[in-house]
Amino acid sequence: GLDKPVSDFVFSHASAGEFMGHLERMLTFLLPLYI
């Protein structure tokens, strides 16, 4: 996954980008609460 062809393949699928969007929102909420 450190190689660009593999990373491009993984994120060529819409579900990967959608997952990252959900994860970003969750961590934006959680990390300050952990602190």
Full PDB file with SEQRES, HELIX, SHEET, SSBOND, CRYST1, ORIGX, SCALE, CONECT and MASTER records, all heavy atoms in Angstrom:
SEQRES   1 A   35  GLY LEU ASP LYS PRO VAL SER ASP PHE VAL PHE SER HIS          
SEQRES   2 A   35  ALA SER ALA GLY GLU PHE MET GLY HIS LEU GLU ARG MET          
SEQRES   3 A   35  LEU THR PHE LEU LEU PRO LEU TYR ILE                          
HELIX    1 AA1 LYS A    4  PHE A   11  1                                   8    
HELIX    2 AA2 ALA A   14  TYR A   34  1                                  21    
CRYST1    1.000    1.000    1.000  90.00  90.00  90.00 P 1           1          
ORIGX1      1.000000  0.000000  0.000000        0.00000                         
ORIGX2      0.000000  1.000000  0.000000        0.00000                         
ORIGX3      0.000000  0.000000  1.000000        0.00000                         
SCALE1      1.000000  0.000000  0.000000        0.00000                         
SCALE2      0.000000  1.000000  0.000000        0.00000                         
SCALE3      0.000000  0.000000  1.000000        0.00000                         
ATOM      1  N   GLY A   1       0.793  -1.222   0.000  1.00  0.00           N  
ATOM      2  CA  GLY A   1       0.000   0.000   0.000  1.00  0.00           C  
ATOM      3  C   GLY A   1       0.825   1.270   0.000  1.00  0.00           C  
ATOM      4  O   GLY A   1       0.278   2.363  -0.188  1.00  0.00           O  
ATOM      5  N   LEU A   2       2.126   1.147   0.190  1.00  0.00           N  
ATOM      6  CA  LEU A   2       3.009   2.309   0.088  1.00  0.00           C  
ATOM      7  C   LEU A   2       3.305   2.677  -1.362  1.00  0.00           C  
ATOM      8  O   LEU A   2       3.779   3.790  -1.628  1.00  0.00           O  
ATOM      9  CB  LEU A   2       4.330   2.039   0.823  1.00  0.00           C  
ATOM     10  CG  LEU A   2       4.248   1.856   2.342  1.00  0.00           C  
ATOM     11  CD1 LEU A   2       5.609   1.473   2.905  1.00  0.00           C  
ATOM     12  CD2 LEU A   2       3.724   3.118   3.009  1.00  0.00           C  
ATOM     13  N   ASP A   3       3.050   1.756  -2.257  1.00  0.00           N  
ATOM     14  CA  ASP A   3       3.289   2.002  -3.683  1.00  0.00           C  
ATOM     15  C   ASP A   3       2.055   2.636  -4.314  1.00  0.00           C  
ATOM     16  O   ASP A   3       0.916   2.240  -4.038  1.00  0.00           O  
ATOM     17  CB  ASP A   3       3.635   0.695  -4.393  1.00  0.00           C  
ATOM     18  CG  ASP A   3       4.928   0.077  -3.867  1.00  0.00           C  
ATOM     19  OD1 ASP A   3       5.955   0.773  -3.903  1.00  0.00           O  
ATOM     20  OD2 ASP A   3       4.881  -1.076  -3.401  1.00  0.00           O  
ATOM     21  N   LYS A   4       2.286   3.619  -5.173  1.00  0.00           N  
ATOM     22  CA  LYS A   4       1.186   4.398  -5.749  1.00  0.00           C  
ATOM     23  C   LYS A   4       0.185   3.544  -6.524  1.00  0.00           C  
ATOM     24  O   LYS A   4      -1.031   3.772  -6.407  1.00  0.00           O  
ATOM     25  CB  LYS A   4       1.744   5.507  -6.645  1.00  0.00           C  
ATOM     26  CG  LYS A   4       0.690   6.528  -7.085  1.00  0.00           C  
ATOM     27  CD  LYS A   4       1.331   7.673  -7.833  1.00  0.00           C  
ATOM     28  CE  LYS A   4       0.287   8.755  -8.161  1.00  0.00           C  
ATOM     29  NZ  LYS A   4      -0.822   8.261  -8.990  1.00  0.00           N  
ATOM     30  N   PRO A   5       0.607   2.559  -7.314  1.00  0.00           N  
ATOM     31  CA  PRO A   5      -0.390   1.753  -8.029  1.00  0.00           C  
ATOM     32  C   PRO A   5      -1.378   1.048  -7.100  1.00  0.00           C  
ATOM     33  O   PRO A   5      -2.572   0.963  -7.396  1.00  0.00           O  
ATOM     34  CB  PRO A   5       0.461   0.747  -8.807  1.00  0.00           C  
ATOM     35  CG  PRO A   5       1.771   1.445  -9.010  1.00  0.00           C  
ATOM     36  CD  PRO A   5       1.985   2.219  -7.747  1.00  0.00           C  
ATOM     37  N   VAL A   6      -0.872   0.560  -5.964  1.00  0.00           N  
ATOM     38  CA  VAL A   6      -1.764  -0.105  -5.002  1.00  0.00           C  
ATOM     39  C   VAL A   6      -2.694   0.914  -4.348  1.00  0.00           C  
ATOM     40  O   VAL A   6      -3.908   0.692  -4.240  1.00  0.00           O  
ATOM     41  CB  VAL A   6      -0.946  -0.848  -3.924  1.00  0.00           C  
ATOM     42  CG1 VAL A   6      -1.874  -1.394  -2.830  1.00  0.00           C  
ATOM     43  CG2 VAL A   6      -0.147  -1.978  -4.556  1.00  0.00           C  
ATOM     44  N   SER A   7      -2.132   2.045  -3.923  1.00  0.00           N  
ATOM     45  CA  SER A   7      -2.957   3.080  -3.302  1.00  0.00           C  
ATOM     46  C   SER A   7      -4.024   3.590  -4.266  1.00  0.00           C  
ATOM     47  O   SER A   7      -5.193   3.769  -3.888  1.00  0.00           O  
ATOM     48  CB  SER A   7      -2.067   4.240  -2.839  1.00  0.00           C  
ATOM     49  OG  SER A   7      -2.829   5.243  -2.227  1.00  0.00           O  
ATOM     50  N   ASP A   8      -3.631   3.796  -5.521  1.00  0.00           N  
ATOM     51  CA  ASP A   8      -4.599   4.256  -6.524  1.00  0.00           C  
ATOM     52  C   ASP A   8      -5.707   3.231  -6.721  1.00  0.00           C  
ATOM     53  O   ASP A   8      -6.886   3.592  -6.880  1.00  0.00           O  
ATOM     54  CB  ASP A   8      -3.896   4.525  -7.855  1.00  0.00           C  
ATOM     55  CG  ASP A   8      -3.026   5.778  -7.806  1.00  0.00           C  
ATOM     56  OD1 ASP A   8      -3.173   6.564  -6.852  1.00  0.00           O  
ATOM     57  OD2 ASP A   8      -2.199   5.959  -8.725  1.00  0.00           O  
ATOM     58  N   PHE A   9      -5.333   1.939  -6.721  1.00  0.00           N  
ATOM     59  CA  PHE A   9      -6.333   0.884  -6.883  1.00  0.00           C  
ATOM     60  C   PHE A   9      -7.325   0.897  -5.713  1.00  0.00           C  
ATOM     61  O   PHE A   9      -8.546   0.822  -5.907  1.00  0.00           O  
ATOM     62  CB  PHE A   9      -5.648  -0.483  -6.979  1.00  0.00           C  
ATOM     63  CG  PHE A   9      -6.604  -1.639  -7.022  1.00  0.00           C  
ATOM     64  CD1 PHE A   9      -7.194  -2.031  -8.218  1.00  0.00           C  
ATOM     65  CD2 PHE A   9      -6.925  -2.341  -5.858  1.00  0.00           C  
ATOM     66  CE1 PHE A   9      -8.086  -3.102  -8.257  1.00  0.00           C  
ATOM     67  CE2 PHE A   9      -7.809  -3.407  -5.890  1.00  0.00           C  
ATOM     68  CZ  PHE A   9      -8.395  -3.791  -7.092  1.00  0.00           C  
ATOM     69  N   VAL A  10      -6.801   0.994  -4.489  1.00  0.00           N  
ATOM     70  CA  VAL A  10      -7.663   0.980  -3.307  1.00  0.00           C  
ATOM     71  C   VAL A  10      -8.647   2.141  -3.350  1.00  0.00           C  
ATOM     72  O   VAL A  10      -9.855   1.977  -3.130  1.00  0.00           O  
ATOM     73  CB  VAL A  10      -6.810   1.027  -2.018  1.00  0.00           C  
ATOM     74  CG1 VAL A  10      -7.713   1.267  -0.797  1.00  0.00           C  
ATOM     75  CG2 VAL A  10      -6.023  -0.265  -1.855  1.00  0.00           C  
ATOM     76  N   PHE A  11      -8.149   3.334  -3.655  1.00  0.00           N  
ATOM     77  CA  PHE A  11      -9.006   4.517  -3.605  1.00  0.00           C  
ATOM     78  C   PHE A  11      -9.740   4.789  -4.917  1.00  0.00           C  
ATOM     79  O   PHE A  11     -10.463   5.785  -5.026  1.00  0.00           O  
ATOM     80  CB  PHE A  11      -8.183   5.731  -3.171  1.00  0.00           C  
ATOM     81  CG  PHE A  11      -7.850   5.710  -1.696  1.00  0.00           C  
ATOM     82  CD1 PHE A  11      -6.603   5.309  -1.267  1.00  0.00           C  
ATOM     83  CD2 PHE A  11      -8.811   6.034  -0.762  1.00  0.00           C  
ATOM     84  CE1 PHE A  11      -6.307   5.258   0.085  1.00  0.00           C  
ATOM     85  CE2 PHE A  11      -8.535   5.994   0.597  1.00  0.00           C  
ATOM     86  CZ  PHE A  11      -7.273   5.596   1.029  1.00  0.00           C  
ATOM     87  N   SER A  12      -9.566   3.883  -5.880  1.00  0.00           N  
ATOM     88  CA  SER A  12     -10.383   3.996  -7.090  1.00  0.00           C  
ATOM     89  C   SER A  12     -11.813   3.537  -6.839  1.00  0.00           C  
ATOM     90  O   SER A  12     -12.704   3.793  -7.651  1.00  0.00           O  
ATOM     91  CB  SER A  12      -9.770   3.173  -8.229  1.00  0.00           C  
ATOM     92  OG  SER A  12      -9.850   1.774  -7.939  1.00  0.00           O  
ATOM     93  N   HIS A  13     -12.020   2.885  -5.705  1.00  0.00           N  
ATOM     94  CA  HIS A  13     -13.359   2.408  -5.347  1.00  0.00           C  
ATOM     95  C   HIS A  13     -14.050   3.462  -4.474  1.00  0.00           C  
ATOM     96  O   HIS A  13     -13.477   3.920  -3.471  1.00  0.00           O  
ATOM     97  CB  HIS A  13     -13.267   1.073  -4.604  1.00  0.00           C  
ATOM     98  CG  HIS A  13     -12.661  -0.008  -5.449  1.00  0.00           C  
ATOM     99  ND1 HIS A  13     -11.300  -0.193  -5.549  1.00  0.00           N  
ATOM    100  CD2 HIS A  13     -13.240  -0.935  -6.250  1.00  0.00           C  
ATOM    101  CE1 HIS A  13     -11.057  -1.206  -6.364  1.00  0.00           C  
ATOM    102  NE2 HIS A  13     -12.215  -1.670  -6.804  1.00  0.00           N  
ATOM    103  N   ALA A  14     -15.243   3.844  -4.860  1.00  0.00           N  
ATOM    104  CA  ALA A  14     -15.953   4.929  -4.178  1.00  0.00           C  
ATOM    105  C   ALA A  14     -16.131   4.656  -2.694  1.00  0.00           C  
ATOM    106  O   ALA A  14     -16.119   5.586  -1.878  1.00  0.00           O  
ATOM    107  CB  ALA A  14     -17.308   5.152  -4.846  1.00  0.00           C  
ATOM    108  N   SER A  15     -16.271   3.399  -2.307  1.00  0.00           N  
ATOM    109  CA  SER A  15     -16.510   3.077  -0.899  1.00  0.00           C  
ATOM    110  C   SER A  15     -15.321   3.455  -0.019  1.00  0.00           C  
ATOM    111  O   SER A  15     -15.488   3.769   1.168  1.00  0.00           O  
ATOM    112  CB  SER A  15     -16.824   1.584  -0.736  1.00  0.00           C  
ATOM    113  OG  SER A  15     -15.767   0.791  -1.256  1.00  0.00           O  
ATOM    114  N   ALA A  16     -14.098   3.441  -0.594  1.00  0.00           N  
ATOM    115  CA  ALA A  16     -12.916   3.824   0.184  1.00  0.00           C  
ATOM    116  C   ALA A  16     -12.971   5.304   0.533  1.00  0.00           C  
ATOM    117  O   ALA A  16     -12.726   5.700   1.678  1.00  0.00           O  
ATOM    118  CB  ALA A  16     -11.637   3.494  -0.578  1.00  0.00           C  
ATOM    119  N   GLY A  17     -13.283   6.133  -0.451  1.00  0.00           N  
ATOM    120  CA  GLY A  17     -13.395   7.565  -0.191  1.00  0.00           C  
ATOM    121  C   GLY A  17     -14.537   7.882   0.751  1.00  0.00           C  
ATOM    122  O   GLY A  17     -14.426   8.768   1.614  1.00  0.00           O  
ATOM    123  N   GLU A  18     -15.635   7.163   0.606  1.00  0.00           N  
ATOM    124  CA  GLU A  18     -16.784   7.388   1.485  1.00  0.00           C  
ATOM    125  C   GLU A  18     -16.431   7.018   2.922  1.00  0.00           C  
ATOM    126  O   GLU A  18     -16.790   7.723   3.875  1.00  0.00           O  
ATOM    127  CB  GLU A  18     -17.976   6.574   1.002  1.00  0.00           C  
ATOM    128  CG  GLU A  18     -19.263   6.871   1.740  1.00  0.00           C  
ATOM    129  CD  GLU A  18     -20.456   6.126   1.155  1.00  0.00           C  
ATOM    130  OE1 GLU A  18     -20.297   5.488   0.092  1.00  0.00           O  
ATOM    131  OE2 GLU A  18     -21.533   6.172   1.777  1.00  0.00           O  
ATOM    132  N   PHE A  19     -15.710   5.900   3.061  1.00  0.00           N  
ATOM    133  CA  PHE A  19     -15.268   5.485   4.400  1.00  0.00           C  
ATOM    134  C   PHE A  19     -14.389   6.550   5.029  1.00  0.00           C  
ATOM    135  O   PHE A  19     -14.557   6.901   6.209  1.00  0.00           O  
ATOM    136  CB  PHE A  19     -14.505   4.168   4.311  1.00  0.00           C  
ATOM    137  CG  PHE A  19     -13.780   3.804   5.581  1.00  0.00           C  
ATOM    138  CD1 PHE A  19     -14.457   3.230   6.645  1.00  0.00           C  
ATOM    139  CD2 PHE A  19     -12.418   4.056   5.720  1.00  0.00           C  
ATOM    140  CE1 PHE A  19     -13.796   2.912   7.821  1.00  0.00           C  
ATOM    141  CE2 PHE A  19     -11.750   3.736   6.885  1.00  0.00           C  
ATOM    142  CZ  PHE A  19     -12.440   3.162   7.947  1.00  0.00           C  
ATOM    143  N   MET A  20     -13.439   7.102   4.270  1.00  0.00           N  
ATOM    144  CA  MET A  20     -12.535   8.116   4.804  1.00  0.00           C  
ATOM    145  C   MET A  20     -13.311   9.354   5.246  1.00  0.00           C  
ATOM    146  O   MET A  20     -12.976   9.985   6.248  1.00  0.00           O  
ATOM    147  CB  MET A  20     -11.473   8.485   3.779  1.00  0.00           C  
ATOM    148  CG  MET A  20     -10.472   7.372   3.476  1.00  0.00           C  
ATOM    149  SD  MET A  20      -9.544   6.819   4.916  1.00  0.00           S  
ATOM    150  CE  MET A  20      -8.650   8.314   5.335  1.00  0.00           C  
ATOM    151  N   GLY A  21     -14.351   9.706   4.510  1.00  0.00           N  
ATOM    152  CA  GLY A  21     -15.169  10.852   4.899  1.00  0.00           C  
ATOM    153  C   GLY A  21     -15.865  10.621   6.228  1.00  0.00           C  
ATOM    154  O   GLY A  21     -15.885  11.508   7.100  1.00  0.00           O  
ATOM    155  N   HIS A  22     -16.464   9.423   6.394  1.00  0.00           N  
ATOM    156  CA  HIS A  22     -17.113   9.091   7.669  1.00  0.00           C  
ATOM    157  C   HIS A  22     -16.095   9.085   8.808  1.00  0.00           C  
ATOM    158  O   HIS A  22     -16.361   9.581   9.907  1.00  0.00           O  
ATOM    159  CB  HIS A  22     -17.792   7.722   7.588  1.00  0.00           C  
ATOM    160  CG  HIS A  22     -18.999   7.686   6.702  1.00  0.00           C  
ATOM    161  ND1 HIS A  22     -20.037   8.582   6.813  1.00  0.00           N  
ATOM    162  CD2 HIS A  22     -19.339   6.843   5.683  1.00  0.00           C  
ATOM    163  CE1 HIS A  22     -20.968   8.321   5.921  1.00  0.00           C  
ATOM    164  NE2 HIS A  22     -20.559   7.258   5.216  1.00  0.00           N  
ATOM    165  N   LEU A  23     -14.895   8.504   8.543  1.00  0.00           N  
ATOM    166  CA  LEU A  23     -13.871   8.392   9.580  1.00  0.00           C  
ATOM    167  C   LEU A  23     -13.362   9.771   9.991  1.00  0.00           C  
ATOM    168  O   LEU A  23     -13.135  10.039  11.178  1.00  0.00           O  
ATOM    169  CB  LEU A  23     -12.718   7.521   9.069  1.00  0.00           C  
ATOM    170  CG  LEU A  23     -11.659   7.112  10.090  1.00  0.00           C  
ATOM    171  CD1 LEU A  23     -12.295   6.420  11.292  1.00  0.00           C  
ATOM    172  CD2 LEU A  23     -10.625   6.202   9.445  1.00  0.00           C  
ATOM    173  N   GLU A  24     -13.191  10.650   9.030  1.00  0.00           N  
ATOM    174  CA  GLU A  24     -12.736  12.008   9.343  1.00  0.00           C  
ATOM    175  C   GLU A  24     -13.727  12.717  10.263  1.00  0.00           C  
ATOM    176  O   GLU A  24     -13.333  13.351  11.247  1.00  0.00           O  
ATOM    177  CB  GLU A  24     -12.538  12.816   8.063  1.00  0.00           C  
ATOM    178  CG  GLU A  24     -12.077  14.244   8.332  1.00  0.00           C  
ATOM    179  CD  GLU A  24     -11.833  15.036   7.062  1.00  0.00           C  
ATOM    180  OE1 GLU A  24     -12.186  14.549   5.967  1.00  0.00           O  
ATOM    181  OE2 GLU A  24     -11.284  16.147   7.169  1.00  0.00           O  
ATOM    182  N   ARG A  25     -15.001  12.599   9.958  1.00  0.00           N  
ATOM    183  CA  ARG A  25     -16.009  13.255  10.801  1.00  0.00           C  
ATOM    184  C   ARG A  25     -16.027  12.656  12.203  1.00  0.00           C  
ATOM    185  O   ARG A  25     -16.164  13.383  13.193  1.00  0.00           O  
ATOM    186  CB  ARG A  25     -17.393  13.151  10.145  1.00  0.00           C  
ATOM    187  CG  ARG A  25     -17.548  14.061   8.915  1.00  0.00           C  
ATOM    188  CD  ARG A  25     -18.972  14.055   8.390  1.00  0.00           C  
ATOM    189  NE  ARG A  25     -19.332  12.777   7.795  1.00  0.00           N  
ATOM    190  CZ  ARG A  25     -19.072  12.439   6.531  1.00  0.00           C  
ATOM    191  NH1 ARG A  25     -18.446  13.295   5.731  1.00  0.00           N  
ATOM    192  NH2 ARG A  25     -19.445  11.262   6.063  1.00  0.00           N  
ATOM    193  N   MET A  26     -15.872  11.342  12.287  1.00  0.00           N  
ATOM    194  CA  MET A  26     -15.896  10.700  13.598  1.00  0.00           C  
ATOM    195  C   MET A  26     -14.692  11.126  14.443  1.00  0.00           C  
ATOM    196  O   MET A  26     -14.819  11.458  15.628  1.00  0.00           O  
ATOM    197  CB  MET A  26     -15.902   9.173  13.446  1.00  0.00           C  
ATOM    198  CG  MET A  26     -16.045   8.458  14.785  1.00  0.00           C  
ATOM    199  SD  MET A  26     -16.025   6.667  14.636  1.00  0.00           S  
ATOM    200  CE  MET A  26     -14.296   6.399  14.348  1.00  0.00           C  
ATOM    201  N   LEU A  27     -13.493  11.151  13.835  1.00  0.00           N  
ATOM    202  CA  LEU A  27     -12.293  11.513  14.585  1.00  0.00           C  
ATOM    203  C   LEU A  27     -12.275  12.997  14.932  1.00  0.00           C  
ATOM    204  O   LEU A  27     -11.767  13.380  15.991  1.00  0.00           O  
ATOM    205  CB  LEU A  27     -11.043  11.128  13.787  1.00  0.00           C  
ATOM    206  CG  LEU A  27     -10.837   9.619  13.608  1.00  0.00           C  
ATOM    207  CD1 LEU A  27      -9.608   9.352  12.751  1.00  0.00           C  
ATOM    208  CD2 LEU A  27     -10.700   8.924  14.963  1.00  0.00           C  
ATOM    209  N   THR A  28     -12.816  13.832  14.066  1.00  0.00           N  
ATOM    210  CA  THR A  28     -12.922  15.254  14.388  1.00  0.00           C  
ATOM    211  C   THR A  28     -13.763  15.443  15.645  1.00  0.00           C  
ATOM    212  O   THR A  28     -13.494  16.337  16.466  1.00  0.00           O  
ATOM    213  CB  THR A  28     -13.551  16.030  13.216  1.00  0.00           C  
ATOM    214  OG1 THR A  28     -12.707  15.889  12.057  1.00  0.00           O  
ATOM    215  CG2 THR A  28     -13.701  17.505  13.536  1.00  0.00           C  
ATOM    216  N   PHE A  29     -14.752  14.592  15.825  1.00  0.00           N  
ATOM    217  CA  PHE A  29     -15.592  14.630  17.019  1.00  0.00           C  
ATOM    218  C   PHE A  29     -14.888  13.996  18.224  1.00  0.00           C  
ATOM    219  O   PHE A  29     -14.907  14.543  19.335  1.00  0.00           O  
ATOM    220  CB  PHE A  29     -16.907  13.893  16.731  1.00  0.00           C  
ATOM    221  CG  PHE A  29     -17.759  13.657  17.946  1.00  0.00           C  
ATOM    222  CD1 PHE A  29     -18.484  14.690  18.527  1.00  0.00           C  
ATOM    223  CD2 PHE A  29     -17.839  12.395  18.518  1.00  0.00           C  
ATOM    224  CE1 PHE A  29     -19.266  14.476  19.650  1.00  0.00           C  
ATOM    225  CE2 PHE A  29     -18.616  12.165  19.637  1.00  0.00           C  
ATOM    226  CZ  PHE A  29     -19.336  13.204  20.207  1.00  0.00           C  
ATOM    227  N   LEU A  30     -14.217  12.843  18.010  1.00  0.00           N  
ATOM    228  CA  LEU A  30     -13.702  12.060  19.131  1.00  0.00           C  
ATOM    229  C   LEU A  30     -12.398  12.587  19.728  1.00  0.00           C  
ATOM    230  O   LEU A  30     -12.229  12.597  20.955  1.00  0.00           O  
ATOM    231  CB  LEU A  30     -13.471  10.608  18.684  1.00  0.00           C  
ATOM    232  CG  LEU A  30     -14.665   9.668  18.632  1.00  0.00           C  
ATOM    233  CD1 LEU A  30     -14.232   8.299  18.156  1.00  0.00           C  
ATOM    234  CD2 LEU A  30     -15.314   9.559  20.017  1.00  0.00           C  
ATOM    235  N   LEU A  31     -11.451  12.997  18.894  1.00  0.00           N  
ATOM    236  CA  LEU A  31     -10.113  13.296  19.398  1.00  0.00           C  
ATOM    237  C   LEU A  31     -10.112  14.398  20.457  1.00  0.00           C  
ATOM    238  O   LEU A  31      -9.440  14.251  21.493  1.00  0.00           O  
ATOM    239  CB  LEU A  31      -9.173  13.632  18.243  1.00  0.00           C  
ATOM    240  CG  LEU A  31      -8.946  12.493  17.232  1.00  0.00           C  
ATOM    241  CD1 LEU A  31      -7.876  12.873  16.223  1.00  0.00           C  
ATOM    242  CD2 LEU A  31      -8.579  11.187  17.929  1.00  0.00           C  
ATOM    243  N   PRO A  32     -10.838  15.504  20.262  1.00  0.00           N  
ATOM    244  CA  PRO A  32     -10.869  16.501  21.338  1.00  0.00           C  
ATOM    245  C   PRO A  32     -11.477  15.961  22.634  1.00  0.00           C  
ATOM    246  O   PRO A  32     -11.095  16.391  23.728  1.00  0.00           O  
ATOM    247  CB  PRO A  32     -11.746  17.621  20.751  1.00  0.00           C  
ATOM    248  CG  PRO A  32     -11.637  17.458  19.267  1.00  0.00           C  
ATOM    249  CD  PRO A  32     -11.551  15.983  19.048  1.00  0.00           C  
ATOM    250  N   LEU A  33     -12.414  15.020  22.526  1.00  0.00           N  
ATOM    251  CA  LEU A  33     -13.020  14.445  23.725  1.00  0.00           C  
ATOM    252  C   LEU A  33     -12.021  13.558  24.461  1.00  0.00           C  
ATOM    253  O   LEU A  33     -12.006  13.517  25.699  1.00  0.00           O  
ATOM    254  CB  LEU A  33     -14.270  13.640  23.351  1.00  0.00           C  
ATOM    255  CG  LEU A  33     -15.415  14.456  22.749  1.00  0.00           C  
ATOM    256  CD1 LEU A  33     -16.584  13.548  22.395  1.00  0.00           C  
ATOM    257  CD2 LEU A  33     -15.872  15.547  23.707  1.00  0.00           C  
ATOM    258  N   TYR A  34     -11.190  12.829  23.707  1.00  0.00           N  
ATOM    259  CA  TYR A  34     -10.132  12.036  24.343  1.00  0.00           C  
ATOM    260  C   TYR A  34      -9.178  12.946  25.115  1.00  0.00           C  
ATOM    261  O   TYR A  34      -8.754  12.635  26.231  1.00  0.00           O  
ATOM    262  CB  TYR A  34      -9.347  11.243  23.300  1.00  0.00           C  
ATOM    263  CG  TYR A  34     -10.049   9.995  22.804  1.00  0.00           C  
ATOM    264  CD1 TYR A  34     -10.219   9.760  21.450  1.00  0.00           C  
ATOM    265  CD2 TYR A  34     -10.519   9.039  23.696  1.00  0.00           C  
ATOM    266  CE1 TYR A  34     -10.855   8.614  20.988  1.00  0.00           C  
ATOM    267  CE2 TYR A  34     -11.155   7.887  23.247  1.00  0.00           C  
ATOM    268  CZ  TYR A  34     -11.315   7.681  21.889  1.00  0.00           C  
ATOM    269  OH  TYR A  34     -11.941   6.553  21.448  1.00  0.00           O  
ATOM    270  N   ILE A  35      -8.817  14.081  24.523  1.00  0.00           N  
ATOM    271  CA  ILE A  35      -7.935  15.033  25.192  1.00  0.00           C  
ATOM    272  C   ILE A  35      -8.585  15.555  26.463  1.00  0.00           C  
ATOM    273  O   ILE A  35      -7.949  15.645  27.527  1.00  0.00           O  
ATOM    274  CB  ILE A  35      -7.584  16.198  24.241  1.00  0.00           C  
ATOM    275  CG1 ILE A  35      -6.740  15.694  23.066  1.00  0.00           C  
ATOM    276  CG2 ILE A  35      -6.840  17.302  24.990  1.00  0.00           C  
ATOM    277  CD1 ILE A  35      -6.503  16.738  21.998  1.00  0.00           C  
TER     278      ILE A  35                                                      
MASTER        0    0    0    2    0    0    0    6  277    1    0    3          
END                                                                             
